[in-house]
Amino acid sequence: MSNVLHEPTVSVTVTPLAELPNALLANHQPDFILPVDAQLEELEELEDTTTGARPDLESGTRHVVPALDIEHAEVEDDPRKWSPLRKWIVLLTISGAATISGLGGNIYNPGIAQIEDQLHATPAQISWSLSIFILIQGSVPLLWSAISEIIGRKKVYLVSLSIGLVGAIVAATARSISVLIAMRCLQAIGTAAILSIGAATLADIYDPHERGTMMGIYYCAPLIGPALGPILGGALTQGFNWRATFWFLSIVIGSVLVVFVFFKDTFRRERSLTYQRVLQRVKAQQLAAQRSETSTLSHITAVEKKPPRLFGKKLFVEDDDEKKPSRDSPDVLETRAAVEDVTAEVKEIKLSLTDVNPVPPMLNVLSRLNNVAILACSGILFGVTYSISYTCSITLGKKYHYNAMEIGLVLLSFGCGNMLGSILGGRYSDYILRRMREKNGGKTEAEMRLASTKWFLPMIPISIAAYGWMSERHVNIGGICVILFIIGFFLIAVYASTLAYIVDANVGRSSSAVACNSLFRGGLAFMSAEIAVPLQNSIGDGGLYSVWAGITLLALLALLLVIWKGAEWRQSAIERENRRLQE
C-alpha cells in the first residue's frame, strides 16, 4: 500500500431535498443530516471567497444560493391563495371576536355605582377591577401566541373564548367584589388571545402589500367596544341592572364561540419560525436516542467515506479518487434509504404544549432595536388613548354634569375618529408602500410603510395638548367632541401603521411580535389608569395632557428614527441571530 498522500477528488451523489420533511425545508437547516457548524465548515471549503458563488453539483458551474423566504414557503392549502370572499369571511370573523375585548373593558362602567352599593366595594377595589383587566389583557397574549404557533390558531380561539365565557357568566352571578375581580381576571385571560393572534391570522392570509388596509379594518373592531361600551352599559344598567352587562357579554362571547367551531385554521407550521425551532430541538433529542440506528448517515463506508452534506438545495456525499461509487451503488442506496427512514421518523414528530416556552420568541422580538423603538411608541399611543377615554368620563360627569348615556354619546366621537383613522390610515399606508416599492425597483422594506405616518405625526401632540386645556376651561361640548374626533383619528392612523409594521418586520414570528405589542400596550395603559386621576386632581386636565403631549412627542421621534435607521437595525439583528444559530 502506497504511503503517498493523494488529494481527493470529489464525486457527488445527489438526493433531492424534496425527499426531506417540508418543515425542515422551511428553515433550510436539516440538522439531522449534519450539525449546522459542520455544514458551514464544509460549505466554506467550496465557496468562492471573491464572488460568494458556489458550485452547481450537477453541471459543474458556480452560482449563488438564494436565501429561502419563509414568508412564502410552499404550504398545503395556502391561505394566501384563498378566494377574496373566503378571506373576507375570516377577517369579519376575527373582527367580530375582537369587539369582545373592547366591550369587556368598559361596558360595566355605568353600573359602578350599583356595584359599590350591592357588593359593598370600595373605590380602590373598583379601580383595581378596571386596571387589572387591562394589565392581564396585555400580558397574557405572550402565552397564547406561543401556544398558537404549536397547535394552530383555531384551537386557541376555542379554548380562550371558552375561558372568557366562564368568566362572564360567573361575574354576572357574583355575590362579592372579590369574586367579581377574580372573574374579571379570567375574562381578561380568555379575551386576550384574540388581540394577539387576530393580527397573526391576518398575516397568515394576506401578503404584506395588503396588510395595512386589512389591519386597519380589523383594528376598528376593538375600537367599537370603547365607543359603544358606555352607551350599551348605560342602557342595560338603567333598563335592568349591572349584572345585565355581563349577561350581554356572555351572549356575545357564546355566539362568537359557535362561529369559531366552523372556522378554518389559517396557521401553517412551515411559515412559523417558532414552530421550526421547537421542532428542531425535539427532533435533535429524538435522533440522539436513535444515533446507533442511523449511523449510516455519518459515513458511507466505515473507512474512507465522508459524511453527507447539505449544499444549497442538495444533499450530497463525497468519496476520494480511489473509490467512486455510482449513484446506484449499494453504499449510496443504503445511505439514501437511511435518509428516507429518518425522514419518515421526523414526520411522525408531534409537538405538544410541553414544548411551548413563550420567553424565547419574546426575547427574539425584543432583541431587535427597531422592534423596541416601535413597541414603545405603540404602547405610549395606546396609553394616552386609554387615559383620555378614562379621564374624559370623569370630567364630563363632574364638570359638565352628564349622566352615563350622555357621556357615552360624547365618547362616541372619539370612537368614530378611531374607526375612521384605522380604516383610512391602513389604506394610506398600503398606498405609500406600493409607491415606494415601485420607486425601489420592486424591492420592499418593512420600514417603507411607516413613511405614511409622517404627515400625521405633528397633529398628535398638538391636539392632545389642545384637548387638555379645552377641558380645563370647560369650553362648549361641541368643541370637546371635535377635538376628541381629531385625536382619535390621528392616534389610530399612526397606530394602525405601527401594528402592520410589527407584523411585516417579524416574518415567521408575527403572533409573538403582536403579543409583545399587547404587553407594551397593556402595561402602559395600566400605568396611565393608575396615575391619571391623581395627576388630574393635582395639576388639572391642562397640565396632565401637556405632559402627555411631551411624552407622545418623544415617542414619535422614536418612530422617525425607525423610519431612518430601522432597516439597518433589523438587518444587523438578523445577521446576529444567524451567527448565534451557527455557533
Protein backbone atom coordinates (compact mmCIF):
# COMPACT_ATOMS: atom_id res chain seq x y z
CA MET A 1 0.00 0.00 0.00
CA SER A 2 1.49 3.31 -1.04
CA ASN A 3 2.38 5.86 1.61
CA VAL A 4 1.94 8.73 -0.83
CA LEU A 5 -0.99 11.00 0.06
CA HIS A 6 -3.32 11.87 -2.79
CA GLU A 7 -5.52 14.92 -2.79
CA PRO A 8 -9.06 13.54 -3.01
CA THR A 9 -11.31 14.10 -5.98
CA VAL A 10 -14.91 14.71 -5.10
CA SER A 11 -17.61 12.59 -6.63
CA VAL A 12 -21.15 13.57 -5.84
CA THR A 13 -24.28 11.60 -5.14
CA VAL A 14 -27.36 13.81 -5.04
CA THR A 15 -30.56 13.30 -3.07
CA PRO A 16 -33.23 15.96 -3.74
CA LEU A 17 -34.42 17.94 -0.77
CA ALA A 18 -37.96 17.15 -1.86
CA GLU A 19 -37.50 13.85 -0.04
CA LEU A 20 -36.86 15.69 3.23
CA PRO A 21 -39.64 16.99 5.53
CA ASN A 22 -41.30 20.22 4.46
CA ALA A 23 -40.95 21.66 7.96
CA LEU A 24 -37.18 21.29 7.69
CA LEU A 25 -37.07 22.78 4.21
CA ALA A 26 -38.83 25.86 5.53
CA ASN A 27 -35.95 26.52 7.89
CA HIS A 28 -33.30 25.24 5.48
CA GLN A 29 -31.41 23.56 8.35
CA PRO A 30 -31.89 19.76 8.40
CA ASP A 31 -29.51 19.22 11.28
CA PHE A 32 -30.35 15.52 11.49
CA ILE A 33 -28.02 15.18 8.46
CA LEU A 34 -25.13 17.16 9.85
CA PRO A 35 -24.82 19.80 12.61
CA VAL A 36 -25.08 23.36 11.40
CA ASP A 37 -21.49 24.27 12.25
CA ALA A 38 -20.18 21.23 10.41
CA GLN A 39 -22.28 22.13 7.38
CA LEU A 40 -20.87 25.66 7.42
CA GLU A 41 -17.29 24.36 7.56
CA GLU A 42 -17.98 22.14 4.58
CA LEU A 43 -19.63 24.97 2.63
CA GLU A 44 -16.78 27.37 3.34
CA GLU A 45 -14.35 24.92 1.72
CA LEU A 46 -16.35 25.05 -1.52
CA GLU A 47 -17.38 28.73 -1.54
CA ASP A 48 -15.65 31.17 -3.83
CA THR A 49 -14.18 33.74 -1.46
CA THR A 50 -14.24 36.53 -4.01
CA THR A 51 -17.70 36.18 -5.55
CA GLY A 52 -19.62 34.22 -2.95
CA ALA A 53 -20.57 31.79 -5.71
CA ARG A 54 -20.92 28.08 -5.01
CA PRO A 55 -20.59 25.09 -7.32
CA ASP A 56 -23.56 23.56 -9.05
CA LEU A 57 -23.09 19.93 -8.12
CA GLU A 58 -24.61 18.59 -11.31
CA SER A 59 -23.36 20.95 -14.03
CA GLY A 60 -20.01 21.99 -12.56
CA THR A 61 -20.94 25.67 -12.87
CA ARG A 62 -20.93 28.09 -9.97
CA HIS A 63 -23.94 30.01 -8.71
CA VAL A 64 -25.13 31.97 -5.70
CA VAL A 65 -27.51 30.01 -3.47
CA PRO A 66 -30.52 32.21 -2.73
CA ALA A 67 -31.84 32.56 0.80
CA LEU A 68 -35.13 30.83 1.46
CA ASP A 69 -38.08 33.15 2.15
CA ILE A 70 -40.08 31.58 4.98
CA GLU A 71 -42.81 34.18 4.37
CA HIS A 72 -43.61 32.46 1.07
CA ALA A 73 -42.68 28.84 1.84
CA GLU A 74 -44.80 26.34 -0.05
CA VAL A 75 -47.65 25.02 2.09
CA GLU A 76 -50.67 22.82 1.61
CA ASP A 77 -53.97 24.70 1.11
CA ASP A 78 -52.13 28.04 1.14
CA PRO A 79 -54.35 30.64 2.93
CA ARG A 80 -52.74 33.36 0.79
CA LYS A 81 -54.36 31.71 -2.26
CA TRP A 82 -57.85 31.53 -0.79
CA SER A 83 -60.59 33.40 -2.62
CA PRO A 84 -61.25 37.05 -1.66
CA LEU A 85 -64.67 36.05 -0.28
CA ARG A 86 -63.15 33.40 1.97
CA LYS A 87 -60.56 35.88 3.24
CA TRP A 88 -63.28 38.43 3.98
CA ILE A 89 -65.18 35.85 6.00
CA VAL A 90 -62.04 35.22 8.08
CA LEU A 91 -61.49 38.96 8.52
CA LEU A 92 -65.08 39.57 9.63
CA THR A 93 -64.96 36.59 12.00
CA ILE A 94 -61.86 37.70 13.87
CA SER A 95 -63.01 41.33 13.80
CA GLY A 96 -66.29 40.33 15.41
CA ALA A 97 -64.38 38.42 18.06
CA ALA A 98 -62.09 41.40 18.68
CA THR A 99 -65.04 43.59 19.70
CA ILE A 100 -65.34 41.47 22.85
CA SER A 101 -62.07 42.75 24.29
CA GLY A 102 -63.13 46.37 23.85
CA LEU A 103 -66.60 45.80 25.27
CA GLY A 104 -65.29 43.80 28.20
CA GLY A 105 -63.08 46.65 29.32
CA ASN A 106 -65.73 49.30 29.97
CA ILE A 107 -69.28 48.07 29.35
CA TYR A 108 -69.95 47.77 33.07
CA ASN A 109 -68.56 51.23 33.93
CA PRO A 110 -72.04 52.84 34.05
CA GLY A 111 -73.01 50.29 36.70
CA ILE A 112 -70.11 51.04 39.05
CA ALA A 113 -72.36 52.90 41.50
CA GLN A 114 -74.68 49.88 41.74
CA ILE A 115 -71.72 47.53 42.18
CA GLU A 116 -70.32 49.63 45.02
CA ASP A 117 -73.71 49.59 46.72
CA GLN A 118 -74.69 45.94 46.20
CA LEU A 119 -71.27 44.32 46.68
CA HIS A 120 -70.05 46.80 49.33
CA ALA A 121 -66.99 47.63 47.21
CA THR A 122 -64.57 50.46 47.87
CA PRO A 123 -63.40 52.90 45.14
CA ALA A 124 -59.95 51.31 45.34
CA GLN A 125 -61.41 47.87 44.61
CA ILE A 126 -63.40 49.22 41.66
CA SER A 127 -60.29 50.93 40.29
CA TRP A 128 -58.35 47.69 40.69
CA SER A 129 -61.00 45.75 38.76
CA LEU A 130 -60.55 48.16 35.85
CA SER A 131 -56.77 48.35 35.78
CA ILE A 132 -56.06 44.64 36.40
CA PHE A 133 -58.28 43.78 33.43
CA ILE A 134 -56.20 45.85 31.01
CA LEU A 135 -52.91 44.63 32.52
CA ILE A 136 -53.80 40.95 32.13
CA GLN A 137 -55.22 41.54 28.69
CA GLY A 138 -51.86 42.98 27.70
CA SER A 139 -49.56 40.35 29.22
CA VAL A 140 -51.36 37.02 28.67
CA PRO A 141 -51.16 37.21 24.84
CA LEU A 142 -47.49 36.23 25.14
CA LEU A 143 -48.59 32.77 26.25
CA TRP A 144 -51.47 32.49 23.81
CA SER A 145 -49.28 33.47 20.86
CA ALA A 146 -46.64 30.86 21.72
CA ILE A 147 -49.32 28.18 22.02
CA SER A 148 -50.86 29.21 18.68
CA GLU A 149 -47.50 28.65 16.97
CA ILE A 150 -47.64 24.99 18.07
CA ILE A 151 -51.29 23.93 17.96
CA GLY A 152 -52.63 26.49 15.48
CA ARG A 153 -54.95 29.48 15.71
CA LYS A 154 -58.35 27.77 15.79
CA LYS A 155 -57.77 25.72 18.94
CA VAL A 156 -56.52 28.80 20.77
CA TYR A 157 -59.61 30.76 19.73
CA LEU A 158 -61.89 27.99 21.01
CA VAL A 159 -60.10 27.47 24.33
CA SER A 160 -59.63 31.17 25.10
CA LEU A 161 -63.22 32.11 24.26
CA SER A 162 -64.48 29.27 26.46
CA ILE A 163 -62.45 30.68 29.35
CA GLY A 164 -63.83 34.15 28.70
CA LEU A 165 -67.38 32.78 28.61
CA VAL A 166 -66.99 31.14 32.01
CA GLY A 167 -65.59 34.39 33.44
CA ALA A 168 -68.51 36.46 32.13
CA ILE A 169 -71.19 34.05 33.39
CA VAL A 170 -69.73 33.77 36.89
CA ALA A 171 -69.20 37.55 37.04
CA ALA A 172 -72.90 38.03 36.29
CA THR A 173 -73.79 35.93 39.32
CA ALA A 174 -71.05 37.25 41.67
CA ARG A 175 -72.09 37.96 45.27
CA SER A 176 -68.86 39.64 46.41
CA ILE A 177 -66.38 42.09 44.91
CA SER A 178 -63.57 39.55 45.31
CA VAL A 179 -65.38 37.05 43.07
CA LEU A 180 -66.12 39.80 40.56
CA ILE A 181 -62.45 40.86 40.37
CA ALA A 182 -61.34 37.23 40.01
CA MET A 183 -63.80 36.66 37.18
CA ARG A 184 -62.72 39.89 35.52
CA CYS A 185 -59.21 38.43 35.52
CA LEU A 186 -60.49 35.19 34.00
CA GLN A 187 -62.44 37.14 31.42
CA ALA A 188 -59.30 39.12 30.51
CA ILE A 189 -57.28 35.91 30.12
CA GLY A 190 -59.85 34.49 27.75
CA THR A 191 -60.40 37.54 25.55
CA ALA A 192 -56.70 38.46 25.39
CA ALA A 193 -55.91 35.78 22.80
CA ILE A 194 -57.99 37.49 20.12
CA LEU A 195 -55.93 40.67 20.27
CA SER A 196 -52.62 38.90 19.71
CA ILE A 197 -53.39 36.12 17.25
CA GLY A 198 -56.03 38.09 15.34
CA ALA A 199 -53.30 40.14 13.65
CA ALA A 200 -51.25 36.95 13.15
CA THR A 201 -54.26 35.37 11.44
CA LEU A 202 -54.37 38.27 9.00
CA ALA A 203 -50.64 37.80 8.37
CA ASP A 204 -51.42 34.17 7.54
CA ILE A 205 -53.86 35.06 4.75
CA TYR A 206 -52.64 38.39 3.36
CA ASP A 207 -49.38 39.38 1.69
CA PRO A 208 -47.51 42.40 3.10
CA HIS A 209 -48.78 44.85 0.46
CA GLU A 210 -52.40 44.11 1.54
CA ARG A 211 -51.96 44.11 5.30
CA GLY A 212 -52.20 47.82 6.03
CA THR A 213 -55.75 48.07 4.75
CA MET A 214 -56.86 44.83 6.37
CA MET A 215 -55.16 45.65 9.69
CA GLY A 216 -56.97 48.97 9.67
CA ILE A 217 -60.33 47.28 9.13
CA TYR A 218 -59.57 44.65 11.75
CA TYR A 219 -58.45 47.16 14.35
CA CYS A 220 -61.75 49.03 14.02
CA ALA A 221 -63.37 46.15 15.89
CA PRO A 222 -61.62 46.60 19.27
CA LEU A 223 -62.33 50.31 18.97
CA ILE A 224 -66.06 49.76 18.63
CA GLY A 225 -66.09 48.42 22.20
CA PRO A 226 -64.76 51.57 23.90
CA ALA A 227 -67.06 53.68 21.72
CA LEU A 228 -70.27 51.71 22.24
CA GLY A 229 -69.48 50.12 25.61
CA PRO A 230 -70.60 53.06 27.78
CA ILE A 231 -73.80 53.51 25.74
CA LEU A 232 -74.72 49.81 25.88
CA GLY A 233 -73.70 49.61 29.52
CA GLY A 234 -75.76 52.64 30.42
CA ALA A 235 -78.85 51.31 28.62
CA LEU A 236 -78.53 47.83 30.18
CA THR A 237 -77.86 49.21 33.65
CA GLN A 238 -80.80 51.61 33.53
CA GLY A 239 -83.14 49.04 31.97
CA PHE A 240 -82.12 46.12 34.21
CA ASN A 241 -79.06 46.29 36.50
CA TRP A 242 -75.26 45.99 36.38
CA ARG A 243 -75.46 42.18 36.04
CA ALA A 244 -77.16 42.57 32.66
CA THR A 245 -73.91 43.90 31.20
CA PHE A 246 -72.14 40.59 31.96
CA TRP A 247 -75.07 38.53 30.69
CA PHE A 248 -74.88 40.54 27.47
CA LEU A 249 -71.15 39.77 27.22
CA SER A 250 -71.89 36.08 27.82
CA ILE A 251 -74.30 36.04 24.88
CA VAL A 252 -71.79 37.80 22.60
CA ILE A 253 -68.89 35.51 23.58
CA GLY A 254 -71.04 32.40 23.23
CA SER A 255 -72.21 33.44 19.75
CA VAL A 256 -68.63 34.08 18.57
CA LEU A 257 -67.53 30.75 20.06
CA VAL A 258 -70.12 28.92 17.96
CA VAL A 259 -68.85 30.68 14.82
CA PHE A 260 -65.27 29.59 15.53
CA VAL A 261 -66.33 25.94 15.66
CA PHE A 262 -66.66 26.17 11.86
CA PHE A 263 -63.53 28.31 11.42
CA LYS A 264 -60.85 27.04 9.01
CA ASP A 265 -57.42 27.31 10.61
CA THR A 266 -55.01 29.64 8.80
CA PHE A 267 -51.84 28.56 10.60
CA ARG A 268 -49.17 26.76 8.57
CA ARG A 269 -46.20 25.45 10.54
CA GLU A 270 -43.82 25.77 7.58
CA ARG A 271 -44.10 29.57 7.89
CA SER A 272 -43.55 29.72 11.66
CA LEU A 273 -40.03 30.27 12.96
CA THR A 274 -41.19 29.39 16.46
CA TYR A 275 -42.54 26.02 15.32
CA GLN A 276 -39.42 25.28 13.27
CA ARG A 277 -37.07 25.93 16.18
CA VAL A 278 -39.10 23.86 18.63
CA LEU A 279 -39.28 21.12 16.02
CA GLN A 280 -35.51 21.15 15.62
CA ARG A 281 -34.98 20.82 19.35
CA VAL A 282 -37.41 17.91 19.72
CA LYS A 283 -36.06 16.27 16.59
CA ALA A 284 -32.49 16.52 17.85
CA GLN A 285 -33.48 14.87 21.13
CA GLN A 286 -35.23 12.01 19.35
CA LEU A 287 -32.46 11.45 16.87
CA ALA A 288 -29.80 11.46 19.58
CA ALA A 289 -31.56 8.44 21.10
CA GLN A 290 -31.55 6.74 17.69
CA ARG A 291 -27.92 7.57 16.83
CA SER A 292 -26.85 3.97 16.62
CA GLU A 293 -29.68 3.08 14.22
CA THR A 294 -28.93 5.95 11.85
CA SER A 295 -25.15 5.75 11.95
CA THR A 296 -25.01 5.21 8.20
CA LEU A 297 -25.83 8.89 7.82
CA SER A 298 -22.47 9.93 9.18
CA HIS A 299 -20.43 7.90 6.66
CA ILE A 300 -20.90 5.84 3.51
CA THR A 301 -18.37 3.23 4.47
CA ALA A 302 -16.57 2.59 7.76
CA VAL A 303 -13.19 3.64 6.34
CA GLU A 304 -12.80 6.34 3.72
CA LYS A 305 -16.23 7.93 3.21
CA LYS A 306 -17.08 11.47 4.19
CA PRO A 307 -20.40 12.38 5.79
CA PRO A 308 -23.34 13.52 3.70
CA ARG A 309 -23.63 17.27 3.49
CA LEU A 310 -26.33 19.82 2.73
CA PHE A 311 -25.42 22.23 -0.05
CA GLY A 312 -27.91 24.75 -1.34
CA LYS A 313 -30.88 22.53 -2.13
CA LYS A 314 -28.98 19.23 -2.48
CA LEU A 315 -27.82 16.58 -0.07
CA PHE A 316 -24.54 15.02 -1.24
CA VAL A 317 -21.76 12.69 -0.08
CA GLU A 318 -18.10 12.66 -1.05
CA ASP A 319 -15.65 9.90 -1.98
CA ASP A 320 -11.93 10.01 -2.58
CA ASP A 321 -10.49 9.44 -6.02
CA GLU A 322 -9.75 5.76 -5.38
CA LYS A 323 -13.36 4.80 -4.68
CA LYS A 324 -16.13 6.45 -6.65
CA PRO A 325 -19.39 4.59 -6.28
CA SER A 326 -22.08 5.29 -8.82
CA ARG A 327 -25.49 6.68 -7.96
CA ASP A 328 -26.87 3.17 -7.89
CA SER A 329 -24.10 1.55 -5.86
CA PRO A 330 -25.16 -0.45 -2.76
CA ASP A 331 -23.49 2.08 -0.42
CA VAL A 332 -25.30 5.05 -1.92
CA LEU A 333 -28.63 3.22 -1.98
CA GLU A 334 -28.11 2.25 1.66
CA THR A 335 -27.47 5.88 2.63
CA ARG A 336 -30.47 7.09 0.68
CA ALA A 337 -32.67 4.52 2.39
CA ALA A 338 -31.34 5.66 5.76
CA VAL A 339 -32.25 9.27 4.93
CA GLU A 340 -35.74 8.19 3.96
CA ASP A 341 -36.11 6.24 7.21
CA VAL A 342 -35.16 9.28 9.29
CA THR A 343 -37.44 11.46 7.17
CA ALA A 344 -40.37 9.19 8.00
CA GLU A 345 -39.47 9.33 11.70
CA VAL A 346 -39.24 13.12 11.70
CA LYS A 347 -42.63 13.40 10.01
CA GLU A 348 -44.10 11.49 12.93
CA ILE A 349 -42.85 14.04 15.47
CA LYS A 350 -45.79 15.68 17.22
CA LEU A 351 -45.18 18.77 19.31
CA SER A 352 -47.24 19.36 22.43
CA LEU A 353 -47.88 22.18 24.89
CA THR A 354 -44.94 20.97 26.98
CA ASP A 355 -42.72 22.22 24.16
CA VAL A 356 -44.12 25.76 24.47
CA ASN A 357 -41.95 28.43 26.04
CA PRO A 358 -43.14 31.96 25.26
CA VAL A 359 -39.98 33.61 26.58
CA PRO A 360 -37.52 32.84 23.72
CA PRO A 361 -39.82 34.18 20.97
CA MET A 362 -40.45 37.29 23.06
CA LEU A 363 -36.72 37.81 23.65
CA ASN A 364 -36.06 37.35 19.95
CA VAL A 365 -38.53 40.14 19.18
CA LEU A 366 -37.19 42.43 21.92
CA SER A 367 -33.57 41.83 20.92
CA ARG A 368 -34.14 43.98 17.82
CA LEU A 369 -33.73 47.70 18.40
CA ASN A 370 -36.24 48.62 15.70
CA ASN A 371 -38.88 46.49 17.48
CA VAL A 372 -38.21 48.05 20.89
CA ALA A 373 -38.50 51.58 19.47
CA ILE A 374 -41.74 50.91 17.62
CA LEU A 375 -43.25 48.94 20.51
CA ALA A 376 -42.52 51.79 22.92
CA CYS A 377 -44.14 54.24 20.51
CA SER A 378 -47.17 51.99 20.04
CA GLY A 379 -47.56 51.49 23.79
CA ILE A 380 -47.42 55.21 24.52
CA LEU A 381 -50.03 55.95 21.86
CA PHE A 382 -52.38 53.41 23.40
CA GLY A 383 -51.62 54.66 26.90
CA VAL A 384 -52.71 58.20 26.05
CA THR A 385 -55.79 56.81 24.26
CA TYR A 386 -56.82 54.91 27.40
CA SER A 387 -56.06 57.91 29.61
CA ILE A 388 -58.28 60.21 27.55
CA SER A 389 -61.23 57.80 27.48
CA TYR A 390 -60.89 57.24 31.26
CA THR A 391 -60.44 60.84 32.45
CA CYS A 392 -62.88 62.30 29.94
CA SER A 393 -65.66 60.28 31.57
CA ILE A 394 -64.76 61.81 34.94
CA THR A 395 -64.53 65.34 33.51
CA LEU A 396 -67.89 65.07 31.74
CA GLY A 397 -69.53 63.72 34.86
CA LYS A 398 -68.09 66.22 37.36
CA LYS A 399 -67.72 69.41 35.32
CA TYR A 400 -70.44 69.02 32.69
CA HIS A 401 -72.81 67.02 34.96
CA TYR A 402 -73.58 64.42 32.28
CA ASN A 403 -75.17 61.06 33.02
CA ALA A 404 -73.83 57.71 31.77
CA MET A 405 -75.76 57.82 28.49
CA GLU A 406 -74.67 61.38 27.67
CA ILE A 407 -71.05 60.56 28.50
CA GLY A 408 -71.22 57.56 26.17
CA LEU A 409 -72.57 59.72 23.33
CA VAL A 410 -69.73 62.26 23.73
CA LEU A 411 -67.11 59.50 23.78
CA LEU A 412 -68.69 58.12 20.62
CA SER A 413 -66.98 60.98 18.76
CA PHE A 414 -63.63 59.69 19.99
CA GLY A 415 -64.54 56.17 18.87
CA CYS A 416 -65.69 57.39 15.44
CA GLY A 417 -62.36 59.16 14.97
CA ASN A 418 -60.59 55.93 15.95
CA MET A 419 -62.52 53.84 13.44
CA LEU A 420 -62.12 56.27 10.55
CA GLY A 421 -58.43 56.73 11.30
CA SER A 422 -57.91 52.98 11.44
CA ILE A 423 -59.52 52.37 8.03
CA LEU A 424 -58.10 55.36 6.17
CA GLY A 425 -54.70 55.13 7.86
CA GLY A 426 -54.37 51.48 6.89
CA ARG A 427 -55.34 52.13 3.26
CA TYR A 428 -52.99 55.10 3.03
CA SER A 429 -50.08 53.04 4.42
CA ASP A 430 -50.67 50.39 1.73
CA TYR A 431 -50.74 53.14 -0.93
CA ILE A 432 -47.44 54.60 0.27
CA LEU A 433 -45.91 51.12 0.46
CA ARG A 434 -46.84 50.42 -3.17
CA ARG A 435 -45.42 53.75 -4.37
CA MET A 436 -42.15 53.33 -2.53
CA ARG A 437 -41.79 49.75 -3.73
CA GLU A 438 -42.18 50.90 -7.33
CA LYS A 439 -39.53 53.59 -6.82
CA ASN A 440 -37.25 50.99 -5.23
CA GLY A 441 -37.33 48.67 -8.24
CA GLY A 442 -39.93 46.31 -6.80
CA LYS A 443 -37.98 45.67 -3.59
CA THR A 444 -39.92 46.09 -0.36
CA GLU A 445 -38.62 47.05 3.08
CA ALA A 446 -40.91 46.90 6.11
CA GLU A 447 -39.95 50.47 7.07
CA MET A 448 -41.45 51.86 3.86
CA ARG A 449 -44.90 51.50 5.39
CA LEU A 450 -44.06 53.89 8.22
CA ALA A 451 -43.44 56.73 5.77
CA SER A 452 -47.22 57.15 5.62
CA THR A 453 -47.25 58.41 9.21
CA LYS A 454 -45.05 61.46 8.63
CA TRP A 455 -47.95 63.78 7.80
CA PHE A 456 -49.98 62.63 10.83
CA LEU A 457 -47.28 62.98 13.48
CA PRO A 458 -47.34 66.76 14.15
CA MET A 459 -51.08 66.75 14.81
CA ILE A 460 -50.93 64.25 17.67
CA PRO A 461 -49.11 66.24 20.41
CA ILE A 462 -50.84 69.48 19.30
CA SER A 463 -54.34 68.02 19.52
CA ILE A 464 -53.62 66.26 22.85
CA ALA A 465 -52.46 69.50 24.47
CA ALA A 466 -55.44 71.35 22.96
CA TYR A 467 -57.88 68.82 24.45
CA GLY A 468 -56.35 69.22 27.90
CA TRP A 469 -56.73 72.99 28.00
CA MET A 470 -60.17 72.94 26.39
CA SER A 471 -61.34 70.56 29.14
CA GLU A 472 -59.63 72.70 31.75
CA ARG A 473 -61.58 75.78 30.66
CA HIS A 474 -64.92 73.96 30.20
CA VAL A 475 -65.44 75.01 26.58
CA ASN A 476 -68.64 74.19 24.71
CA ILE A 477 -69.23 70.44 24.42
CA GLY A 478 -69.20 70.74 20.61
CA GLY A 479 -65.53 71.75 20.77
CA ILE A 480 -64.78 68.78 23.03
CA CYS A 481 -66.43 66.40 20.53
CA VAL A 482 -64.45 67.86 17.61
CA ILE A 483 -61.07 67.65 19.35
CA LEU A 484 -61.81 64.11 20.57
CA PHE A 485 -62.56 63.08 16.98
CA ILE A 486 -59.30 64.65 15.74
CA ILE A 487 -57.22 62.95 18.45
CA GLY A 488 -58.88 59.61 17.81
CA PHE A 489 -58.31 59.87 14.04
CA PHE A 490 -54.60 60.72 14.11
CA LEU A 491 -53.68 58.45 17.04
CA ILE A 492 -55.13 55.35 15.43
CA ALA A 493 -53.99 56.25 11.90
CA VAL A 494 -50.42 56.06 13.21
CA TYR A 495 -51.11 53.10 15.47
CA ALA A 496 -52.54 51.03 12.58
CA SER A 497 -49.33 51.56 10.59
CA THR A 498 -47.11 50.62 13.53
CA LEU A 499 -49.14 47.44 14.08
CA ALA A 500 -48.77 46.46 10.41
CA TYR A 501 -45.04 47.23 10.63
CA ILE A 502 -44.66 44.95 13.67
CA VAL A 503 -46.07 42.09 11.59
CA ASP A 504 -44.07 42.88 8.43
CA ALA A 505 -40.76 43.29 10.28
CA ASN A 506 -41.03 39.97 12.15
CA VAL A 507 -41.58 37.37 9.47
CA GLY A 508 -42.30 33.92 10.90
CA ARG A 509 -43.00 35.20 14.42
CA SER A 510 -45.86 37.62 13.81
CA SER A 511 -48.03 36.39 16.69
CA SER A 512 -45.15 36.76 19.18
CA ALA A 513 -44.46 40.27 17.88
CA VAL A 514 -48.11 41.29 18.23
CA ALA A 515 -48.16 39.72 21.71
CA CYS A 516 -45.19 41.91 22.68
CA ASN A 517 -47.15 44.86 21.32
CA SER A 518 -50.07 43.87 23.58
CA LEU A 519 -47.67 43.66 26.53
CA PHE A 520 -46.36 47.18 25.96
CA ARG A 521 -49.86 48.46 25.27
CA GLY A 522 -51.41 46.81 28.33
CA GLY A 523 -48.56 47.80 30.62
CA LEU A 524 -48.69 51.47 29.64
CA ALA A 525 -52.49 51.52 29.75
CA PHE A 526 -52.32 50.05 33.28
CA MET A 527 -49.84 52.72 34.40
CA SER A 528 -51.84 55.51 32.77
CA ALA A 529 -55.01 54.29 34.52
CA GLU A 530 -53.24 54.26 37.89
CA ILE A 531 -51.71 57.75 37.62
CA ALA A 532 -54.32 59.55 35.52
CA VAL A 533 -56.77 60.51 38.27
CA PRO A 534 -54.14 61.59 40.85
CA LEU A 535 -52.45 63.77 38.23
CA GLN A 536 -55.79 65.12 37.04
CA ASN A 537 -56.69 66.09 40.60
CA SER A 538 -53.31 67.73 41.25
CA ILE A 539 -52.45 69.57 38.01
CA GLY A 540 -55.77 69.52 36.12
CA ASP A 541 -56.58 68.35 32.62
CA GLY A 542 -54.42 71.07 31.07
CA GLY A 543 -51.29 70.06 32.96
CA LEU A 544 -51.96 66.32 32.58
CA TYR A 545 -52.30 66.43 28.81
CA SER A 546 -49.44 68.87 28.36
CA VAL A 547 -47.29 66.16 29.96
CA TRP A 548 -48.84 63.56 27.66
CA ALA A 549 -48.13 65.79 24.65
CA GLY A 550 -44.45 65.88 25.58
CA ILE A 551 -44.32 62.10 26.06
CA THR A 552 -46.00 61.42 22.73
CA LEU A 553 -43.56 63.81 21.03
CA LEU A 554 -40.66 61.66 22.26
CA ALA A 555 -42.47 58.52 21.11
CA LEU A 556 -43.00 59.96 17.64
CA LEU A 557 -39.32 60.91 17.42
CA ALA A 558 -38.56 57.22 18.08
CA LEU A 559 -40.86 56.32 15.19
CA LEU A 560 -38.99 58.73 12.89
CA LEU A 561 -35.75 57.10 13.99
CA VAL A 562 -37.11 53.70 12.94
CA ILE A 563 -38.04 55.13 9.53
CA TRP A 564 -34.46 56.37 9.17
CA LYS A 565 -32.42 53.55 10.74
CA GLY A 566 -34.88 50.68 11.17
CA ALA A 567 -33.83 48.67 8.09
CA GLU A 568 -30.18 48.81 9.15
CA TRP A 569 -31.00 47.76 12.72
CA ARG A 570 -33.23 44.94 11.53
CA GLN A 571 -30.64 43.55 9.12
CA SER A 572 -27.94 43.67 11.80
CA ALA A 573 -30.23 41.78 14.17
CA ILE A 574 -30.96 39.11 11.55
CA GLU A 575 -27.25 38.60 10.89
CA ARG A 576 -26.59 38.38 14.64
CA GLU A 577 -29.33 35.78 15.06
CA ASN A 578 -27.96 33.73 12.18
CA ARG A 579 -24.47 33.76 13.68
CA ARG A 580 -25.89 32.63 17.02
CA LEU A 581 -27.68 29.72 15.35
CA GLN A 582 -24.46 28.66 13.65
CA GLU A 583 -22.42 28.58 16.85
